[in-house]
PDB file of all heavy atoms in Angstrom:
ATOM      1  N   ILE A   1      13.764  24.457 -23.997  1.00  0.00           N
ATOM      2  CA  ILE A   1      13.536  25.055 -22.653  1.00  0.00           C
ATOM      3  C   ILE A   1      13.974  24.155 -21.542  1.00  0.00           C
ATOM      4  O   ILE A   1      13.564  22.909 -21.583  1.00  0.00           O
ATOM      5  CB  ILE A   1      12.121  25.406 -22.473  1.00  0.00           C
ATOM      6  CG1 ILE A   1      11.571  26.369 -23.599  1.00  0.00           C
ATOM      7  CG2 ILE A   1      11.912  26.098 -21.141  1.00  0.00           C
ATOM      8  CD1 ILE A   1      10.124  26.671 -23.532  1.00  0.00           C
ATOM      9  N   ALA A   2      14.815  24.525 -20.686  1.00  0.00           N
ATOM     10  CA  ALA A   2      15.307  23.712 -19.518  1.00  0.00           C
ATOM     11  C   ALA A   2      14.271  23.733 -18.494  1.00  0.00           C
ATOM     12  O   ALA A   2      14.212  24.689 -17.716  1.00  0.00           O
ATOM     13  CB  ALA A   2      16.651  24.245 -19.044  1.00  0.00           C
ATOM     14  N   GLN A   3      13.455  22.705 -18.348  1.00  0.00           N
ATOM     15  CA  GLN A   3      12.384  22.674 -17.382  1.00  0.00           C
ATOM     16  C   GLN A   3      12.455  21.331 -16.519  1.00  0.00           C
ATOM     17  O   GLN A   3      11.675  21.290 -15.559  1.00  0.00           O
ATOM     18  CB  GLN A   3      11.046  22.736 -17.982  1.00  0.00           C
ATOM     19  CG  GLN A   3      10.810  24.002 -18.826  1.00  0.00           C
ATOM     20  CD  GLN A   3       9.430  23.994 -19.575  1.00  0.00           C
ATOM     21  OE1 GLN A   3       9.081  22.952 -20.224  1.00  0.00           O
ATOM     22  NE2 GLN A   3       8.669  25.011 -19.448  1.00  0.00           N
ATOM     23  N   PHE A   4      13.361  20.469 -16.878  1.00  0.00           N
ATOM     24  CA  PHE A   4      13.365  19.175 -16.168  1.00  0.00           C
ATOM     25  C   PHE A   4      14.338  19.230 -15.100  1.00  0.00           C
ATOM     26  O   PHE A   4      15.490  19.758 -15.264  1.00  0.00           O
ATOM     27  CB  PHE A   4      13.615  18.050 -17.208  1.00  0.00           C
ATOM     28  CG  PHE A   4      13.727  16.727 -16.600  1.00  0.00           C
ATOM     29  CD1 PHE A   4      12.546  16.009 -16.284  1.00  0.00           C
ATOM     30  CD2 PHE A   4      14.931  16.061 -16.375  1.00  0.00           C
ATOM     31  CE1 PHE A   4      12.632  14.744 -15.733  1.00  0.00           C
ATOM     32  CE2 PHE A   4      15.000  14.790 -15.881  1.00  0.00           C
ATOM     33  CZ  PHE A   4      13.843  14.100 -15.554  1.00  0.00           C
ATOM     34  N   HIS A   5      14.099  18.590 -13.993  1.00  0.00           N
ATOM     35  CA  HIS A   5      15.115  18.469 -12.879  1.00  0.00           C
ATOM     36  C   HIS A   5      15.064  17.084 -12.367  1.00  0.00           C
ATOM     37  O   HIS A   5      14.084  16.289 -12.560  1.00  0.00           O
ATOM     38  CB  HIS A   5      14.761  19.518 -11.785  1.00  0.00           C
ATOM     39  CG  HIS A   5      13.458  19.291 -11.072  1.00  0.00           C
ATOM     40  ND1 HIS A   5      13.372  18.389  -9.964  1.00  0.00           N
ATOM     41  CD2 HIS A   5      12.230  19.665 -11.271  1.00  0.00           C
ATOM     42  CE1 HIS A   5      12.102  18.343  -9.603  1.00  0.00           C
ATOM     43  NE2 HIS A   5      11.423  19.111 -10.381  1.00  0.00           N
ATOM     44  N   THR A   6      16.128  16.673 -11.638  1.00  0.00           N
ATOM     45  CA  THR A   6      16.255  15.328 -11.138  1.00  0.00           C
ATOM     46  C   THR A   6      16.097  15.287  -9.631  1.00  0.00           C
ATOM     47  O   THR A   6      16.243  14.287  -8.972  1.00  0.00           O
ATOM     48  CB  THR A   6      17.594  14.728 -11.475  1.00  0.00           C
ATOM     49  OG1 THR A   6      18.665  15.559 -10.975  1.00  0.00           O
ATOM     50  CG2 THR A   6      17.768  14.643 -12.975  1.00  0.00           C
ATOM     51  N   ASP A   7      15.693  16.352  -8.989  1.00  0.00           N
ATOM     52  CA  ASP A   7      15.370  16.428  -7.586  1.00  0.00           C
ATOM     53  C   ASP A   7      13.996  15.910  -7.316  1.00  0.00           C
ATOM     54  O   ASP A   7      13.113  16.044  -8.228  1.00  0.00           O
ATOM     55  CB  ASP A   7      15.572  17.834  -6.989  1.00  0.00           C
ATOM     56  CG  ASP A   7      16.982  18.315  -7.037  1.00  0.00           C
ATOM     57  OD1 ASP A   7      17.937  17.497  -7.216  1.00  0.00           O
ATOM     58  OD2 ASP A   7      17.165  19.562  -6.965  1.00  0.00           O
ATOM     59  N   LEU A   8      13.745  15.353  -6.207  1.00  0.00           N
ATOM     60  CA  LEU A   8      12.367  14.947  -5.876  1.00  0.00           C
ATOM     61  C   LEU A   8      11.452  16.116  -5.575  1.00  0.00           C
ATOM     62  O   LEU A   8      10.303  16.165  -5.837  1.00  0.00           O
ATOM     63  CB  LEU A   8      12.436  14.042  -4.612  1.00  0.00           C
ATOM     64  CG  LEU A   8      13.080  12.673  -4.794  1.00  0.00           C
ATOM     65  CD1 LEU A   8      12.988  11.894  -3.567  1.00  0.00           C
ATOM     66  CD2 LEU A   8      12.512  11.936  -5.976  1.00  0.00           C
ATOM     67  N   VAL A   9      12.091  17.202  -5.041  1.00  0.00           N
ATOM     68  CA  VAL A   9      11.347  18.489  -4.787  1.00  0.00           C
ATOM     69  C   VAL A   9      12.296  19.611  -5.198  1.00  0.00           C
ATOM     70  O   VAL A   9      13.468  19.604  -4.911  1.00  0.00           O
ATOM     71  CB  VAL A   9      11.013  18.558  -3.253  1.00  0.00           C
ATOM     72  CG1 VAL A   9      10.370  19.896  -2.980  1.00  0.00           C
ATOM     73  CG2 VAL A   9      10.096  17.416  -2.845  1.00  0.00           C
ATOM     74  N   ILE A  10      11.693  20.617  -5.805  1.00  0.00           N
ATOM     75  CA  ILE A  10      12.466  21.811  -6.196  1.00  0.00           C
ATOM     76  C   ILE A  10      12.931  22.582  -4.987  1.00  0.00           C
ATOM     77  O   ILE A  10      12.166  22.876  -4.121  1.00  0.00           O
ATOM     78  CB  ILE A  10      11.637  22.685  -7.169  1.00  0.00           C
ATOM     79  CG1 ILE A  10      11.333  21.947  -8.422  1.00  0.00           C
ATOM     80  CG2 ILE A  10      12.355  23.972  -7.472  1.00  0.00           C
ATOM     81  CD1 ILE A  10      10.376  22.725  -9.334  1.00  0.00           C
ATOM     82  N   THR A  11      14.212  22.919  -5.016  1.00  0.00           N
ATOM     83  CA  THR A  11      14.759  23.770  -3.956  1.00  0.00           C
ATOM     84  C   THR A  11      15.559  24.974  -4.722  1.00  0.00           C
ATOM     85  O   THR A  11      15.716  24.917  -5.884  1.00  0.00           O
ATOM     86  CB  THR A  11      15.768  22.989  -3.111  1.00  0.00           C
ATOM     87  OG1 THR A  11      16.954  22.717  -3.871  1.00  0.00           O
ATOM     88  CG2 THR A  11      15.160  21.636  -2.631  1.00  0.00           C
ATOM     89  N   PRO A  12      16.016  25.883  -3.891  1.00  0.00           N
ATOM     90  CA  PRO A  12      16.820  26.995  -4.517  1.00  0.00           C
ATOM     91  C   PRO A  12      18.085  26.481  -5.198  1.00  0.00           C
ATOM     92  O   PRO A  12      18.669  27.227  -5.998  1.00  0.00           O
ATOM     93  CB  PRO A  12      17.139  27.900  -3.335  1.00  0.00           C
ATOM     94  CG  PRO A  12      16.070  27.618  -2.316  1.00  0.00           C
ATOM     95  CD  PRO A  12      15.749  26.148  -2.417  1.00  0.00           C
ATOM     96  N   PHE A  13      18.469  25.208  -4.883  1.00  0.00           N
ATOM     97  CA  PHE A  13      19.694  24.692  -5.474  1.00  0.00           C
ATOM     98  C   PHE A  13      19.456  23.758  -6.675  1.00  0.00           C
ATOM     99  O   PHE A  13      20.330  23.186  -7.246  1.00  0.00           O
ATOM    100  CB  PHE A  13      20.461  23.861  -4.372  1.00  0.00           C
ATOM    101  CG  PHE A  13      20.726  24.687  -3.143  1.00  0.00           C
ATOM    102  CD1 PHE A  13      19.959  24.461  -1.999  1.00  0.00           C
ATOM    103  CD2 PHE A  13      21.740  25.701  -3.081  1.00  0.00           C
ATOM    104  CE1 PHE A  13      20.189  25.232  -0.875  1.00  0.00           C
ATOM    105  CE2 PHE A  13      21.994  26.407  -1.962  1.00  0.00           C
ATOM    106  CZ  PHE A  13      21.194  26.192  -0.816  1.00  0.00           C
ATOM    107  N   THR A  14      18.216  23.601  -7.007  1.00  0.00           N
ATOM    108  CA  THR A  14      17.770  22.730  -8.120  1.00  0.00           C
ATOM    109  C   THR A  14      18.363  23.171  -9.421  1.00  0.00           C
ATOM    110  O   THR A  14      18.291  24.365  -9.788  1.00  0.00           O
ATOM    111  CB  THR A  14      16.271  22.543  -8.191  1.00  0.00           C
ATOM    112  OG1 THR A  14      15.754  21.958  -7.002  1.00  0.00           O
ATOM    113  CG2 THR A  14      15.870  21.712  -9.424  1.00  0.00           C
ATOM    114  N   LYS A  15      18.990  22.240 -10.142  1.00  0.00           N
ATOM    115  CA  LYS A  15      19.487  22.507 -11.470  1.00  0.00           C
ATOM    116  C   LYS A  15      18.460  22.011 -12.530  1.00  0.00           C
ATOM    117  O   LYS A  15      18.016  20.850 -12.368  1.00  0.00           O
ATOM    118  CB  LYS A  15      20.827  21.889 -11.722  1.00  0.00           C
ATOM    119  CG  LYS A  15      21.411  22.242 -13.074  1.00  0.00           C
ATOM    120  CD  LYS A  15      22.854  21.659 -13.220  1.00  0.00           C
ATOM    121  CE  LYS A  15      23.469  22.035 -14.548  1.00  0.00           C
ATOM    122  NZ  LYS A  15      24.792  21.427 -14.759  1.00  0.00           N
ATOM    123  N   PHE A  16      18.153  22.781 -13.524  1.00  0.00           N
ATOM    124  CA  PHE A  16      17.241  22.453 -14.539  1.00  0.00           C
ATOM    125  C   PHE A  16      17.928  22.033 -15.845  1.00  0.00           C
ATOM    126  O   PHE A  16      18.950  22.597 -16.206  1.00  0.00           O
ATOM    127  CB  PHE A  16      16.219  23.537 -14.795  1.00  0.00           C
ATOM    128  CG  PHE A  16      15.266  23.788 -13.677  1.00  0.00           C
ATOM    129  CD1 PHE A  16      15.650  24.673 -12.615  1.00  0.00           C
ATOM    130  CD2 PHE A  16      14.078  23.074 -13.522  1.00  0.00           C
ATOM    131  CE1 PHE A  16      14.779  24.868 -11.521  1.00  0.00           C
ATOM    132  CE2 PHE A  16      13.265  23.275 -12.503  1.00  0.00           C
ATOM    133  CZ  PHE A  16      13.604  24.168 -11.504  1.00  0.00           C
ATOM    134  N   TYR A  17      17.374  21.040 -16.537  1.00  0.00           N
ATOM    135  CA  TYR A  17      17.946  20.478 -17.757  1.00  0.00           C
ATOM    136  C   TYR A  17      16.927  20.548 -18.841  1.00  0.00           C
ATOM    137  O   TYR A  17      15.720  20.620 -18.604  1.00  0.00           O
ATOM    138  CB  TYR A  17      18.435  19.092 -17.525  1.00  0.00           C
ATOM    139  CG  TYR A  17      19.417  18.807 -16.400  1.00  0.00           C
ATOM    140  CD1 TYR A  17      18.924  18.675 -15.113  1.00  0.00           C
ATOM    141  CD2 TYR A  17      20.797  18.837 -16.641  1.00  0.00           C
ATOM    142  CE1 TYR A  17      19.812  18.416 -14.059  1.00  0.00           C
ATOM    143  CE2 TYR A  17      21.645  18.588 -15.581  1.00  0.00           C
ATOM    144  CZ  TYR A  17      21.105  18.384 -14.318  1.00  0.00           C
ATOM    145  OH  TYR A  17      22.010  18.166 -13.279  1.00  0.00           O
ATOM    146  N   LYS A  18      17.400  20.384 -20.111  1.00  0.00           N
ATOM    147  CA  LYS A  18      16.482  20.089 -21.240  1.00  0.00           C
ATOM    148  C   LYS A  18      16.262  18.600 -21.245  1.00  0.00           C
ATOM    149  O   LYS A  18      17.258  17.855 -21.439  1.00  0.00           O
ATOM    150  CB  LYS A  18      17.097  20.636 -22.543  1.00  0.00           C
ATOM    151  CG  LYS A  18      17.371  22.106 -22.611  1.00  0.00           C
ATOM    152  CD  LYS A  18      18.068  22.517 -23.867  1.00  0.00           C
ATOM    153  CE  LYS A  18      18.396  23.953 -23.927  1.00  0.00           C
ATOM    154  NZ  LYS A  18      19.219  24.342 -25.083  1.00  0.00           N
ATOM    155  N   TYR A  19      15.076  18.164 -21.104  1.00  0.00           N
ATOM    156  CA  TYR A  19      14.815  16.724 -21.102  1.00  0.00           C
ATOM    157  C   TYR A  19      15.308  16.070 -22.316  1.00  0.00           C
ATOM    158  O   TYR A  19      15.877  14.987 -22.282  1.00  0.00           O
ATOM    159  CB  TYR A  19      13.222  16.583 -20.962  1.00  0.00           C
ATOM    160  CG  TYR A  19      12.805  15.164 -20.733  1.00  0.00           C
ATOM    161  CD1 TYR A  19      12.512  14.686 -19.450  1.00  0.00           C
ATOM    162  CD2 TYR A  19      12.615  14.192 -21.801  1.00  0.00           C
ATOM    163  CE1 TYR A  19      12.034  13.391 -19.227  1.00  0.00           C
ATOM    164  CE2 TYR A  19      12.172  12.965 -21.579  1.00  0.00           C
ATOM    165  CZ  TYR A  19      11.955  12.504 -20.288  1.00  0.00           C
ATOM    166  OH  TYR A  19      11.481  11.213 -20.060  1.00  0.00           O
ATOM    167  N   SER A  20      15.081  16.766 -23.440  1.00  0.00           N
ATOM    168  CA  SER A  20      15.525  16.228 -24.728  1.00  0.00           C
ATOM    169  C   SER A  20      17.011  16.041 -24.847  1.00  0.00           C
ATOM    170  O   SER A  20      17.491  15.101 -25.478  1.00  0.00           O
ATOM    171  CB  SER A  20      15.006  17.081 -25.918  1.00  0.00           C
ATOM    172  OG  SER A  20      15.525  18.397 -25.810  1.00  0.00           O
ATOM    173  N   ASP A  21      17.790  16.885 -24.229  1.00  0.00           N
ATOM    174  CA  ASP A  21      19.283  16.794 -24.223  1.00  0.00           C
ATOM    175  C   ASP A  21      19.631  15.500 -23.501  1.00  0.00           C
ATOM    176  O   ASP A  21      20.602  14.792 -23.976  1.00  0.00           O
ATOM    177  CB  ASP A  21      19.928  17.969 -23.514  1.00  0.00           C
ATOM    178  CG  ASP A  21      19.964  19.187 -24.419  1.00  0.00           C
ATOM    179  OD1 ASP A  21      19.540  19.122 -25.632  1.00  0.00           O
ATOM    180  OD2 ASP A  21      20.411  20.241 -23.920  1.00  0.00           O
ATOM    181  N   LEU A  22      19.042  15.196 -22.377  1.00  0.00           N
ATOM    182  CA  LEU A  22      19.374  14.008 -21.607  1.00  0.00           C
ATOM    183  C   LEU A  22      19.032  12.735 -22.379  1.00  0.00           C
ATOM    184  O   LEU A  22      19.741  11.736 -22.417  1.00  0.00           O
ATOM    185  CB  LEU A  22      18.645  14.024 -20.260  1.00  0.00           C
ATOM    186  CG  LEU A  22      19.038  15.069 -19.322  1.00  0.00           C
ATOM    187  CD1 LEU A  22      18.066  15.068 -18.093  1.00  0.00           C
ATOM    188  CD2 LEU A  22      20.447  14.961 -18.827  1.00  0.00           C
ATOM    189  N   ALA A  23      17.885  12.785 -23.090  1.00  0.00           N
ATOM    190  CA  ALA A  23      17.396  11.657 -23.920  1.00  0.00           C
ATOM    191  C   ALA A  23      18.390  11.443 -25.076  1.00  0.00           C
ATOM    192  O   ALA A  23      18.779  10.302 -25.389  1.00  0.00           O
ATOM    193  CB  ALA A  23      15.993  11.965 -24.404  1.00  0.00           C
ATOM    194  N   VAL A  24      18.724  12.482 -25.795  1.00  0.00           N
ATOM    195  CA  VAL A  24      19.632  12.361 -26.963  1.00  0.00           C
ATOM    196  C   VAL A  24      20.975  11.878 -26.495  1.00  0.00           C
ATOM    197  O   VAL A  24      21.641  11.061 -27.165  1.00  0.00           O
ATOM    198  CB  VAL A  24      19.780  13.732 -27.647  1.00  0.00           C
ATOM    199  CG1 VAL A  24      20.953  13.734 -28.699  1.00  0.00           C
ATOM    200  CG2 VAL A  24      18.499  14.120 -28.410  1.00  0.00           C
ATOM    201  N   GLU A  25      21.433  12.413 -25.356  1.00  0.00           N
ATOM    202  CA  GLU A  25      22.794  11.941 -24.860  1.00  0.00           C
ATOM    203  C   GLU A  25      22.826  10.452 -24.559  1.00  0.00           C
ATOM    204  O   GLU A  25      23.737   9.728 -24.900  1.00  0.00           O
ATOM    205  CB  GLU A  25      23.090  12.735 -23.560  1.00  0.00           C
ATOM    206  CG  GLU A  25      24.435  12.383 -22.934  1.00  0.00           C
ATOM    207  CD  GLU A  25      24.716  13.033 -21.593  1.00  0.00           C
ATOM    208  OE1 GLU A  25      23.902  13.978 -21.243  1.00  0.00           O
ATOM    209  OE2 GLU A  25      25.670  12.716 -20.924  1.00  0.00           O
ATOM    210  N   HIS A  26      21.687   9.985 -24.010  1.00  0.00           N
ATOM    211  CA  HIS A  26      21.686   8.536 -23.733  1.00  0.00           C
ATOM    212  C   HIS A  26      21.493   7.743 -25.069  1.00  0.00           C
ATOM    213  O   HIS A  26      22.138   6.654 -25.171  1.00  0.00           O
ATOM    214  CB  HIS A  26      20.511   8.192 -22.839  1.00  0.00           C
ATOM    215  CG  HIS A  26      20.437   6.751 -22.411  1.00  0.00           C
ATOM    216  ND1 HIS A  26      21.376   6.238 -21.507  1.00  0.00           N
ATOM    217  CD2 HIS A  26      19.591   5.738 -22.699  1.00  0.00           C
ATOM    218  CE1 HIS A  26      21.161   4.941 -21.343  1.00  0.00           C
ATOM    219  NE2 HIS A  26      20.064   4.616 -22.054  1.00  0.00           N
ATOM    220  N   TYR A  27      20.732   8.241 -25.948  1.00  0.00           N
ATOM    221  CA  TYR A  27      20.536   7.542 -27.286  1.00  0.00           C
ATOM    222  C   TYR A  27      21.899   7.406 -27.910  1.00  0.00           C
ATOM    223  O   TYR A  27      22.334   6.330 -28.400  1.00  0.00           O
ATOM    224  CB  TYR A  27      19.633   8.361 -28.174  1.00  0.00           C
ATOM    225  CG  TYR A  27      19.533   7.759 -29.525  1.00  0.00           C
ATOM    226  CD1 TYR A  27      18.693   6.614 -29.807  1.00  0.00           C
ATOM    227  CD2 TYR A  27      20.212   8.278 -30.640  1.00  0.00           C
ATOM    228  CE1 TYR A  27      18.578   6.095 -31.048  1.00  0.00           C
ATOM    229  CE2 TYR A  27      20.139   7.691 -31.816  1.00  0.00           C
ATOM    230  CZ  TYR A  27      19.334   6.561 -32.078  1.00  0.00           C
ATOM    231  OH  TYR A  27      19.219   6.018 -33.286  1.00  0.00           O
ATOM    232  N   ASN A  28      22.714   8.459 -27.962  1.00  0.00           N
ATOM    233  CA  ASN A  28      24.002   8.398 -28.555  1.00  0.00           C
ATOM    234  C   ASN A  28      24.981   7.426 -27.853  1.00  0.00           C
ATOM    235  O   ASN A  28      25.827   6.827 -28.445  1.00  0.00           O
ATOM    236  CB  ASN A  28      24.663   9.801 -28.620  1.00  0.00           C
ATOM    237  CG  ASN A  28      24.022  10.732 -29.571  1.00  0.00           C
ATOM    238  OD1 ASN A  28      23.441  10.222 -30.567  1.00  0.00           O
ATOM    239  ND2 ASN A  28      24.011  11.993 -29.323  1.00  0.00           N
TER     240      ASN A  28
END
């Protein structure tokens, strides 16, 4: 589920990510 965002506050333009995808990408 894409629930993680990198904005300090959610706005209508906020993009959501899968936290695990970002973690796995960095691990690789």
